[in-house]
Protein backbone atom coordinates (compact mmCIF):
# COMPACT_ATOMS: atom_id res chain seq x y z
CA MET A 1 -102.04 -21.96 42.34
CA PHE A 2 -101.39 -24.17 39.22
CA ASP A 3 -100.22 -27.88 40.31
CA PRO A 4 -98.45 -29.64 37.44
CA LYS A 5 -99.08 -33.19 38.99
CA LYS A 6 -102.81 -33.01 38.93
CA PHE A 7 -102.82 -31.46 35.58
CA LEU A 8 -100.76 -34.40 34.54
CA ALA A 9 -103.08 -37.00 36.05
CA ALA A 10 -106.16 -35.53 34.69
CA THR A 11 -104.41 -35.40 31.08
CA ALA A 12 -103.68 -39.17 31.35
CA THR A 13 -107.24 -40.05 32.26
CA ALA A 14 -108.75 -38.14 29.43
CA THR A 15 -106.19 -39.78 27.02
CA ILE A 16 -107.16 -43.52 28.17
CA ALA A 17 -110.86 -42.47 27.88
CA LEU A 18 -110.33 -41.34 24.24
CA MET A 19 -108.49 -44.42 22.91
CA PRO A 20 -110.51 -46.56 20.57
CA MET A 21 -112.17 -49.35 22.29
CA HIS A 22 -112.16 -51.75 19.30
CA GLY A 23 -108.64 -52.65 19.82
CA PHE A 24 -109.35 -54.76 22.79
CA ALA A 25 -111.65 -56.92 20.75
CA GLN A 26 -108.80 -58.30 18.61
CA ASP A 27 -107.12 -61.68 19.16
CA ASP A 28 -104.39 -62.26 22.12
CA GLY A 29 -101.60 -61.68 19.75
CA GLY A 30 -102.77 -58.43 18.72
CA SER A 31 -103.91 -57.46 22.06
CA SER A 32 -100.44 -57.26 23.67
CA SER A 33 -99.04 -55.16 20.74
CA ASN A 34 -102.04 -52.76 21.05
CA MET A 35 -101.61 -52.64 24.87
CA GLU A 36 -97.77 -51.58 24.63
CA GLN A 37 -98.88 -49.10 22.10
CA ALA A 38 -101.53 -47.56 24.30
CA GLY A 39 -98.87 -47.30 27.14
CA GLU A 40 -96.76 -45.59 24.86
CA ASN A 41 -99.16 -43.29 23.86
CA MET A 42 -100.34 -42.68 27.46
CA GLU A 43 -96.63 -42.04 28.56
CA ASN A 44 -96.11 -39.45 25.59
CA ALA A 45 -99.16 -38.08 26.22
CA ALA A 46 -98.50 -37.52 30.05
CA GLU A 47 -95.00 -36.40 28.92
CA ASN A 48 -96.66 -33.74 26.45
CA ALA A 49 -98.96 -32.64 29.27
CA GLY A 50 -96.29 -32.28 31.93
CA GLN A 51 -93.97 -30.55 29.59
CA ALA A 52 -97.05 -28.13 28.70
CA ALA A 53 -97.75 -27.81 32.37
CA GLU A 54 -94.29 -26.79 33.21
CA ASN A 55 -94.09 -24.47 30.24
CA ALA A 56 -97.12 -22.80 31.40
CA ALA A 57 -96.16 -22.73 35.02
CA GLU A 58 -92.58 -21.16 33.79
CA ASN A 59 -94.47 -18.60 31.47
CA ALA A 60 -96.88 -17.59 34.16
CA ALA A 61 -93.67 -17.41 36.69
CA GLU A 62 -91.84 -15.24 34.19
CA GLU A 63 -94.82 -12.94 33.16
CA THR A 64 -95.67 -12.39 37.15
CA GLN A 65 -91.96 -11.61 37.84
CA GLU A 66 -91.85 -9.29 34.84
CA ALA A 67 -95.17 -7.41 36.12
CA ALA A 68 -93.89 -7.25 39.60
CA GLU A 69 -90.36 -5.73 38.31
CA ALA A 70 -92.42 -3.27 35.98
CA THR A 71 -94.58 -2.39 39.01
CA GLU A 72 -91.33 -1.79 40.88
CA ASN A 73 -89.65 0.24 38.24
CA ALA A 74 -92.83 2.49 37.98
CA ALA A 75 -92.84 2.84 41.75
CA GLU A 76 -89.12 3.96 41.70
CA GLN A 77 -89.64 5.96 38.73
CA ALA A 78 -92.76 7.70 40.11
CA GLY A 79 -90.52 8.19 43.57
CA GLU A 80 -87.49 9.66 41.90
CA GLU A 81 -89.95 12.17 39.65
CA ALA A 82 -91.83 13.17 42.99
CA GLN A 83 -88.33 13.88 44.85
CA GLU A 84 -87.29 15.81 41.51
CA THR A 85 -90.40 17.72 41.32
CA ALA A 86 -90.27 18.66 45.26
CA GLU A 87 -86.72 19.60 44.73
CA ASP A 88 -87.46 21.83 41.88
CA ALA A 89 -90.24 23.43 43.74
CA ALA A 90 -88.19 24.06 46.76
CA GLN A 91 -85.31 25.60 44.62
CA ALA A 92 -87.95 27.87 42.76
CA THR A 93 -89.25 28.94 46.13
CA GLU A 94 -85.66 29.78 47.41
CA ASN A 95 -84.67 31.58 44.00
CA ALA A 96 -88.11 33.56 44.31
CA ALA A 97 -87.37 34.61 47.87
CA GLU A 98 -83.83 35.68 47.02
CA GLU A 99 -85.14 37.78 44.04
CA THR A 100 -87.96 39.19 46.22
CA GLY A 101 -85.08 40.22 48.75
CA GLU A 102 -82.87 41.65 46.00
CA MET A 103 -85.55 43.69 44.58
CA ALA A 104 -86.62 44.83 47.92
CA GLU A 105 -83.09 45.90 48.64
CA GLU A 106 -82.70 47.73 45.30
CA ALA A 107 -86.07 49.55 45.78
CA GLY A 108 -84.84 50.59 49.30
CA GLU A 109 -81.72 51.85 47.93
CA GLU A 110 -83.33 53.54 45.01
CA ALA A 111 -85.87 55.26 47.41
CA ALA A 112 -82.85 56.47 49.47
CA ASP A 113 -80.99 57.66 46.49
CA THR A 114 -84.03 59.53 45.31
CA ALA A 115 -84.72 60.99 48.64
CA GLY A 116 -81.02 62.00 48.89
CA ASP A 117 -81.06 63.64 45.16
CA ALA A 118 -84.09 65.45 46.28
CA ALA A 119 -82.76 66.78 49.18
CA ASP A 120 -79.61 67.87 47.56
CA ALA A 121 -81.80 69.54 44.60
CA THR A 122 -83.90 71.47 47.36
CA GLU A 123 -80.84 72.35 49.21
CA ASN A 124 -79.29 73.64 45.63
CA ALA A 125 -82.22 75.52 44.53
CA ALA A 126 -82.41 77.38 47.93
CA GLU A 127 -78.87 78.38 47.71
CA GLU A 128 -79.27 79.48 44.08
CA ALA A 129 -82.34 81.46 44.82
CA ALA A 130 -80.48 83.05 47.96
CA GLN A 131 -77.73 83.83 45.60
CA GLU A 132 -79.86 85.28 42.81
CA THR A 133 -81.73 87.35 45.61
CA GLY A 134 -78.46 88.72 47.00
CA GLU A 135 -77.31 89.41 43.34
CA ALA A 136 -80.67 91.34 42.40
CA ALA A 137 -80.18 93.28 45.57
CA GLY A 138 -76.54 94.25 44.85
CA ASP A 139 -77.54 94.99 41.38
CA LEU A 140 -80.50 97.26 42.53
CA ALA A 141 -78.13 99.10 45.20
CA ALA A 142 -75.73 99.73 42.28
CA MET A 143 -78.66 101.08 40.11
CA MET A 144 -79.89 103.48 42.62
CA GLU A 145 -76.55 105.25 42.56
CA ASP A 146 -76.62 105.00 38.89
CA GLN A 147 -79.80 104.66 36.51
CA PHE A 148 -82.20 105.59 39.31
CA SER A 149 -80.15 108.50 40.96
CA ASP A 150 -82.38 111.03 39.89
CA ILE A 151 -85.39 109.35 41.61
CA ALA A 152 -84.02 107.55 44.35
CA ASP A 153 -85.27 110.10 46.93
CA MET A 154 -88.70 110.27 45.24
CA THR A 155 -91.55 108.66 47.09
CA ILE A 156 -93.51 105.60 45.66
CA GLY A 157 -96.54 108.05 45.52
CA ASP A 158 -94.51 110.54 43.40
CA LEU A 159 -93.71 107.75 41.14
CA THR A 160 -96.81 106.13 40.79
CA GLY A 161 -98.55 107.17 37.48
CA THR A 162 -94.93 107.35 35.57
CA ASP A 163 -95.06 106.31 31.94
CA VAL A 164 -93.52 102.97 31.14
CA VAL A 165 -92.28 102.51 27.57
CA THR A 166 -89.99 99.63 25.80
CA THR A 167 -86.59 100.30 24.56
CA SER A 168 -88.18 100.83 21.11
CA GLY A 169 -90.34 103.44 22.33
CA GLU A 170 -93.49 101.67 22.40
CA ASP A 171 -95.76 103.01 25.19
CA VAL A 172 -97.11 100.23 27.07
CA GLY A 173 -98.63 101.70 30.33
CA GLU A 174 -97.78 103.47 33.63
CA ILE A 175 -96.42 102.63 37.22
CA ASP A 176 -99.25 101.45 39.64
CA GLY A 177 -97.05 101.28 42.60
CA PHE A 178 -94.15 99.18 43.95
CA ALA A 179 -94.20 95.95 45.91
CA MET A 180 -91.90 93.34 47.69
CA GLN A 181 -92.22 89.62 46.05
CA ASN A 182 -89.97 87.01 47.26
CA ASN A 183 -87.63 89.70 48.86
CA GLU A 184 -87.26 91.32 45.75
CA LEU A 185 -88.54 95.08 44.66
CA MET A 186 -91.03 94.86 42.05
CA ALA A 187 -92.54 97.41 39.97
CA LEU A 188 -96.45 97.05 39.33
CA VAL A 189 -97.25 98.06 35.73
CA GLY A 190 -100.90 98.50 34.37
CA ILE A 191 -100.46 97.75 30.65
CA GLY A 192 -103.02 99.28 28.24
CA GLY A 193 -106.61 100.10 29.46
CA PHE A 194 -108.15 103.47 29.92
CA LEU A 195 -108.10 105.51 32.93
CA GLY A 196 -107.33 102.25 35.09
CA LEU A 197 -109.95 100.27 33.37
CA GLY A 198 -109.06 96.98 31.30
CA GLU A 199 -105.45 97.04 32.41
CA HIS A 200 -103.24 93.97 32.50
CA ASN A 201 -101.43 94.17 35.51
CA VAL A 202 -97.86 92.54 35.44
CA SER A 203 -95.00 92.72 38.01
CA LEU A 204 -91.49 93.51 36.80
CA GLU A 205 -88.17 93.29 38.53
CA MET A 206 -86.71 96.67 39.16
CA THR A 207 -83.19 95.18 37.55
CA ARG A 208 -85.32 94.96 34.20
CA MET A 209 -86.34 98.72 34.60
CA ASN A 210 -84.36 101.91 33.83
CA TYR A 211 -85.27 105.34 34.10
CA SER A 212 -84.89 108.36 31.63
CA ALA A 213 -84.47 111.67 33.32
CA GLU A 214 -84.95 113.44 30.06
CA GLU A 215 -88.31 111.82 29.34
CA GLU A 216 -89.47 111.48 32.90
CA GLN A 217 -90.60 107.86 32.09
CA PHE A 218 -89.41 104.26 33.10
CA VAL A 219 -88.03 101.95 30.42
CA VAL A 220 -88.58 98.22 30.21
CA GLU A 221 -85.59 96.30 29.08
CA GLY A 222 -85.66 92.94 27.31
CA TYR A 223 -89.52 92.99 26.58
CA THR A 224 -91.73 93.96 23.78
CA GLN A 225 -95.24 95.10 24.08
CA GLU A 226 -96.62 91.89 23.06
CA GLU A 227 -94.54 90.10 25.25
CA LEU A 228 -95.49 92.30 28.09
CA GLU A 229 -99.30 91.79 27.44
CA ASN A 230 -98.81 87.98 27.34
CA LEU A 231 -97.04 88.06 30.69
CA PRO A 232 -99.35 86.48 33.70
CA GLN A 233 -100.95 88.89 35.83
CA TYR A 234 -99.78 89.44 39.49
CA ASN A 235 -101.72 88.16 42.52
CA GLU A 236 -101.81 90.53 45.11
CA ASP A 237 -102.05 88.02 47.86
CA ASN A 238 -98.23 87.13 46.90
CA LEU A 239 -97.06 90.79 47.05
CA THR A 240 -96.40 93.17 50.08
CA MET A 241 -97.16 96.70 48.93
CA VAL A 242 -94.64 99.42 49.59
CA GLU A 243 -96.50 102.36 51.17
CA ASP A 244 -96.87 105.65 49.02
CA ASP A 245 -94.51 107.50 51.64
CA VAL A 246 -91.69 105.40 51.29
CA ALA A 247 -88.63 106.52 49.13
CA LEU A 248 -87.71 104.43 46.41
CA SER A 249 -84.06 104.23 47.92
CA ALA A 250 -85.63 103.16 51.13
CA ALA A 251 -87.34 100.27 49.36
CA ALA A 252 -84.25 99.16 47.69
CA GLU A 253 -82.66 99.17 51.04
CA GLY A 254 -85.58 96.92 52.28
CA GLN A 255 -84.84 94.54 49.60
CA ALA A 256 -81.01 94.39 50.31
CA SER A 257 -81.99 93.70 54.25
CA ALA A 258 -84.46 91.31 53.46
CA SER A 259 -82.06 89.31 51.07
CA GLY A 260 -79.14 89.61 53.92
CA ASP A 261 -81.32 87.89 56.58
CA GLY A 262 -82.80 85.44 54.60
CA SER A 263 -86.37 86.86 55.82
CA GLY A 264 -89.60 86.71 53.88
CA ASN A 265 -91.81 89.40 52.37
CA GLY A 266 -93.40 90.12 56.06
CA SER A 267 -90.10 91.11 57.40
CA GLY A 268 -89.07 92.77 54.41
CA SER A 269 -91.62 95.03 54.50
CA GLY A 270 -91.34 95.49 58.08
CA GLU A 271 -87.64 96.80 57.95
CA MET A 272 -88.96 99.06 55.01
CA SER A 273 -91.57 100.49 57.15
CA SER A 274 -89.11 101.11 59.79
CA ASP A 275 -86.70 102.54 57.30
CA SER A 276 -89.50 104.81 56.07
CA GLY A 277 -90.44 105.71 59.27
CA SER A 278 -86.87 106.76 60.33
CA GLY A 279 -86.40 108.41 56.92
CA SER A 280 -89.67 110.54 57.20
CA GLY A 281 -88.80 111.62 60.71
CA GLU A 282 -85.34 112.52 59.42
CA MET A 283 -86.62 114.46 56.37
CA SER A 284 -89.46 116.04 58.56
CA SER A 285 -86.58 117.20 61.26
CA ASP A 286 -84.49 118.64 58.50
CA GLY A 287 -87.31 120.16 56.74
CA GLY A 288 -88.95 121.65 59.94
CA SER A 289 -91.25 118.97 61.18
CA ASP A 290 -93.61 119.30 64.06
CA SER A 291 -90.93 118.00 66.38
CA GLY A 292 -88.33 120.38 64.96
CA SER A 293 -90.53 123.24 65.20
CA GLY A 294 -91.37 122.19 68.80
CA ASP A 295 -87.39 122.35 69.36
CA MET A 296 -87.37 125.46 67.99
CA GLU A 297 -90.06 127.21 70.26
CA THR A 298 -88.46 125.74 73.24
CA GLU A 299 -85.23 127.29 72.49
CA GLU A 300 -86.97 130.69 71.69
CA ASP A 301 -88.84 130.50 75.03
CA SER A 302 -85.68 129.53 76.88
CA ASP A 303 -84.05 132.60 75.18
CA SER A 304 -87.07 135.05 76.16
CA ASN A 305 -86.78 133.91 79.61
């Protein structure tokens, strides 16, 4: 640590040592004057040295204090910045958590809305399909009494091979049979080809067909020959074929029954088979079937007895 007193003594000693020695060789009169002057010089030098030491000490103390204050300020500023950074990080984390929660909630609501919309769409589609099937069944039942009244009692086998034309008279093919598809009676039409070879096989709704009794041919409405040739071919795995011995009216009734109870192709064909069986039984009984002839023989035997 700096000591002003030691610095003053050292300065005075150095000043005395540097004074000119020839002054002491003068006479006694001048000697007294020189000694006084030397004393004054020493006093001045001591004062100057003390002042310089004091100034140096004050400057050192001020610089030390300023350095301490600067260090303290830097520490306080660093602490404040660190606190602000921590608070900002905490706020950012909280904001991110809130945003994540809001996004998750919105995603959940959107998923629920989408599921609800899909369920509504499925329900609406089912209702529309059922309505359309019912309307088609009603249309076909009406057509059996109108456009198809001449052939309603004909069997599928009798109708197979009938020519099919467009409304403009284009000869497009012939009937290959009838089938149930999605509870709707379809006419299977072979377009083009020769003797069944190279045909383009399509299924057409019976509600798109008409029958000309005069020409004895089916008429396709709403299609040209080119449009029919561009239709996709049917897949037999998706069809339930109607047996050849079933009447066209019975097949139409099978469609109406299927659309009424909402059953699939299988149940529809089952009802048709049941209808056709009972129908053929009734026709056989009226026309003299085996069971009818049996009944008649029994009556004759009883009469003879």
